[in-house]
Amino acid sequence: MLHSALYTRVHGDTVLRMFWYHSRMPRDAIAEWEGREYDHNPKSADWYWALGIVGVAGAIAATIFGNYLFALLIIIASAALAVHATKEPPVHRFRLAEQGLVIGEELHPFERMISFSVLEDITGDLPPMISIKTESWLSPHLIIPLAGVDADAVYAYFLEHVDEDEHRHSFTDLVAAWLGF
């Protein structure tokens, strides 16, 4: 501790924050696993053609009505959607720790979680997922795949720290599923 305090005095405020960050990160994991945020479904050429036609038609309609900014927004959104559709989702590392859930290097503390629910596929073809509602406005709803980990153990540990509640699919989830994401 003395070395850390001396190092802080010599190198300033930045090191103090780094020491605080590393001292607060959970070290002991109760469970660790990896997974993708969603399953990648490769899109056909027809899907991209349909996206392009809808995007251009929407931009033309917005231009006819004199809303040029909206036309530009439609073109940019269509291009962003096409780029997103081609990318395969990255593999994330999940760690369940005493303080909360760590996704990559980001800690989501139990204190900021409102409720959770375990979602299971009726047919059993897909692995279970845990749905977590948080107080964060950047990521208010997390859906974590539980493939490669004991889902019952994760459920039991969450039940000790967070309230369980029924979670329904949001409108955004339904639109994403309809678009094939």
Protein backbone atom coordinates (compact mmCIF):
# COMPACT_ATOMS: atom_id res chain seq x y z
CA MET A 1 0.00 0.00 0.00
CA LEU A 2 2.88 2.38 0.77
CA HIS A 3 4.35 1.73 -2.68
CA SER A 4 0.99 2.50 -4.28
CA ALA A 5 0.66 5.77 -2.35
CA LEU A 6 4.22 6.84 -3.28
CA TYR A 7 3.60 5.89 -6.91
CA THR A 8 0.43 7.92 -6.87
CA ARG A 9 2.25 11.01 -5.60
CA VAL A 10 4.93 10.74 -8.26
CA HIS A 11 2.69 10.02 -11.23
CA GLY A 12 -0.45 11.95 -10.35
CA ASP A 13 -4.19 11.39 -10.46
CA THR A 14 -4.26 8.88 -13.33
CA VAL A 15 -2.52 6.14 -11.36
CA LEU A 16 -4.84 6.68 -8.41
CA ARG A 17 -7.80 5.94 -10.65
CA MET A 18 -6.05 2.88 -12.10
CA PHE A 19 -5.36 1.56 -8.60
CA TRP A 20 -8.98 2.12 -7.61
CA TYR A 21 -10.20 0.36 -10.77
CA HIS A 22 -8.05 -2.72 -10.25
CA SER A 23 -8.80 -2.92 -6.55
CA ARG A 24 -12.57 -2.82 -7.21
CA MET A 25 -12.70 -5.40 -10.06
CA PRO A 26 -13.87 -8.84 -8.95
CA ARG A 27 -11.07 -11.36 -8.83
CA ASP A 28 -12.81 -14.59 -7.85
CA ALA A 29 -15.31 -15.87 -10.35
CA ILE A 30 -18.15 -18.13 -9.25
CA ALA A 31 -18.77 -19.14 -12.86
CA GLU A 32 -17.13 -18.27 -16.19
CA TRP A 33 -18.30 -18.88 -19.72
CA GLU A 34 -18.23 -17.47 -23.21
CA GLY A 35 -21.03 -16.74 -25.61
CA ARG A 36 -22.34 -14.58 -28.41
CA GLU A 37 -24.91 -11.86 -27.89
CA TYR A 38 -27.08 -13.37 -30.63
CA ASP A 39 -26.92 -16.10 -33.25
CA HIS A 40 -25.66 -14.88 -36.59
CA ASN A 41 -28.05 -15.67 -39.43
CA PRO A 42 -26.36 -15.01 -42.79
CA LYS A 43 -28.62 -12.94 -45.01
CA SER A 44 -29.35 -13.84 -48.62
CA ALA A 45 -28.84 -11.51 -51.56
CA ASP A 46 -32.62 -11.11 -51.71
CA TRP A 47 -32.62 -9.73 -48.15
CA TYR A 48 -30.09 -7.05 -49.11
CA TRP A 49 -32.05 -6.22 -52.28
CA ALA A 50 -35.24 -5.84 -50.22
CA LEU A 51 -33.43 -3.61 -47.72
CA GLY A 52 -32.06 -1.47 -50.54
CA ILE A 53 -35.45 -1.15 -52.24
CA VAL A 54 -37.21 -0.20 -49.01
CA GLY A 55 -34.43 2.27 -48.13
CA VAL A 56 -34.44 3.96 -51.53
CA ALA A 57 -38.26 4.06 -51.64
CA GLY A 58 -38.36 5.62 -48.19
CA ALA A 59 -35.72 8.20 -49.15
CA ILE A 60 -37.60 9.07 -52.35
CA ALA A 61 -40.87 9.47 -50.43
CA ALA A 62 -39.16 11.69 -47.85
CA THR A 63 -37.62 13.79 -50.65
CA ILE A 64 -40.99 14.18 -52.39
CA PHE A 65 -42.44 15.53 -49.14
CA GLY A 66 -39.49 17.91 -48.80
CA ASN A 67 -37.96 16.21 -45.79
CA TYR A 68 -34.36 15.93 -46.99
CA LEU A 69 -32.87 15.31 -43.58
CA PHE A 70 -35.19 12.34 -43.04
CA ALA A 71 -34.24 11.00 -46.49
CA LEU A 72 -30.58 11.19 -45.51
CA LEU A 73 -31.36 9.46 -42.20
CA ILE A 74 -33.15 6.61 -44.03
CA ILE A 75 -30.18 6.09 -46.37
CA ILE A 76 -27.68 6.09 -43.46
CA ALA A 77 -29.87 3.74 -41.39
CA SER A 78 -30.22 1.33 -44.33
CA ALA A 79 -26.47 1.31 -44.89
CA ALA A 80 -25.79 0.78 -41.17
CA LEU A 81 -28.31 -2.08 -41.06
CA ALA A 82 -26.65 -3.73 -44.08
CA VAL A 83 -23.20 -3.44 -42.50
CA HIS A 84 -24.50 -4.81 -39.19
CA ALA A 85 -26.13 -7.76 -40.97
CA THR A 86 -22.82 -8.84 -42.50
CA LYS A 87 -20.87 -8.85 -39.23
CA GLU A 88 -20.74 -11.91 -37.03
CA PRO A 89 -21.25 -11.03 -33.35
CA PRO A 90 -18.11 -11.19 -31.20
CA VAL A 91 -17.63 -13.80 -28.51
CA HIS A 92 -18.02 -12.23 -25.05
CA ARG A 93 -16.51 -13.56 -21.85
CA PHE A 94 -18.93 -13.64 -18.90
CA ARG A 95 -17.92 -13.97 -15.24
CA LEU A 96 -20.32 -14.28 -12.34
CA ALA A 97 -18.65 -12.74 -9.30
CA GLU A 98 -19.64 -11.74 -5.79
CA GLN A 99 -20.19 -8.11 -6.84
CA GLY A 100 -22.18 -8.85 -9.99
CA LEU A 101 -21.83 -9.95 -13.59
CA VAL A 102 -18.69 -9.07 -15.54
CA ILE A 103 -19.05 -8.87 -19.32
CA GLY A 104 -15.61 -8.55 -20.86
CA GLU A 105 -14.03 -6.06 -18.46
CA GLU A 106 -17.23 -4.22 -17.52
CA LEU A 107 -18.79 -4.95 -14.14
CA HIS A 108 -22.59 -4.86 -13.87
CA PRO A 109 -23.13 -4.79 -10.07
CA PHE A 110 -26.09 -6.55 -8.49
CA GLU A 111 -27.09 -3.26 -6.82
CA ARG A 112 -27.87 -1.74 -10.25
CA MET A 113 -29.98 -4.71 -11.38
CA ILE A 114 -33.74 -4.34 -11.06
CA SER A 115 -34.84 -7.89 -11.89
CA PHE A 116 -33.93 -11.00 -13.84
CA SER A 117 -35.59 -13.92 -15.56
CA VAL A 118 -34.27 -17.12 -17.11
CA LEU A 119 -35.65 -17.67 -20.60
CA GLU A 120 -35.74 -21.25 -21.83
CA ASP A 121 -36.54 -22.62 -25.27
CA ILE A 122 -39.63 -24.86 -25.16
CA THR A 123 -38.19 -27.28 -27.71
CA GLY A 124 -34.82 -27.39 -25.96
CA ASP A 125 -32.93 -26.65 -29.18
CA LEU A 126 -31.49 -23.37 -27.90
CA PRO A 127 -29.54 -22.84 -24.67
CA PRO A 128 -31.24 -20.93 -21.86
CA MET A 129 -30.65 -17.20 -21.53
CA ILE A 130 -30.79 -14.87 -18.58
CA SER A 131 -32.65 -11.60 -19.08
CA ILE A 132 -31.54 -8.79 -16.76
CA LYS A 133 -33.17 -5.37 -16.40
CA THR A 134 -30.78 -2.75 -15.05
CA GLU A 135 -30.89 0.89 -13.95
CA SER A 136 -28.36 1.84 -16.63
CA TRP A 137 -29.73 3.95 -19.45
CA LEU A 138 -27.00 2.76 -21.83
CA SER A 139 -27.83 -0.92 -21.36
CA PRO A 140 -31.21 -1.19 -19.63
CA HIS A 141 -31.85 -4.77 -20.77
CA LEU A 142 -29.16 -7.44 -20.96
CA ILE A 143 -29.74 -10.87 -22.48
CA ILE A 144 -26.93 -13.29 -21.66
CA PRO A 145 -26.67 -16.78 -23.19
CA LEU A 146 -26.08 -19.53 -20.63
CA ALA A 147 -24.43 -22.06 -22.96
CA GLY A 148 -21.44 -23.79 -21.43
CA VAL A 149 -22.37 -23.07 -17.82
CA ASP A 150 -24.69 -24.65 -15.26
CA ALA A 151 -27.83 -22.56 -15.77
CA ASP A 152 -29.37 -23.80 -12.51
CA ALA A 153 -26.33 -22.64 -10.51
CA VAL A 154 -26.41 -19.21 -12.20
CA TYR A 155 -30.15 -18.97 -11.52
CA ALA A 156 -29.68 -19.88 -7.85
CA TYR A 157 -26.90 -17.32 -7.41
CA PHE A 158 -28.90 -14.55 -9.09
CA LEU A 159 -31.93 -15.43 -6.95
CA GLU A 160 -29.87 -14.66 -3.82
CA HIS A 161 -28.97 -11.15 -5.08
CA VAL A 162 -31.65 -9.88 -7.49
CA ASP A 163 -35.45 -10.03 -7.60
CA GLU A 164 -36.93 -12.44 -10.11
CA ASP A 165 -39.66 -11.12 -12.40
CA GLU A 166 -41.29 -12.18 -15.65
CA HIS A 167 -39.65 -10.52 -18.65
CA ARG A 168 -41.50 -10.17 -21.93
CA HIS A 169 -39.95 -9.48 -25.31
CA SER A 170 -39.80 -5.78 -26.11
CA PHE A 171 -40.95 -4.26 -29.39
CA THR A 172 -37.30 -3.87 -30.39
CA ASP A 173 -36.66 -7.58 -29.78
CA LEU A 174 -39.64 -8.50 -31.96
CA VAL A 175 -38.54 -6.21 -34.80
CA ALA A 176 -34.99 -7.58 -34.63
CA ALA A 177 -36.31 -11.15 -34.79
CA TRP A 178 -38.55 -10.23 -37.72
CA LEU A 179 -35.54 -8.75 -39.56
CA GLY A 180 -33.56 -11.93 -38.90
CA PHE A 181 -31.21 -10.69 -36.19
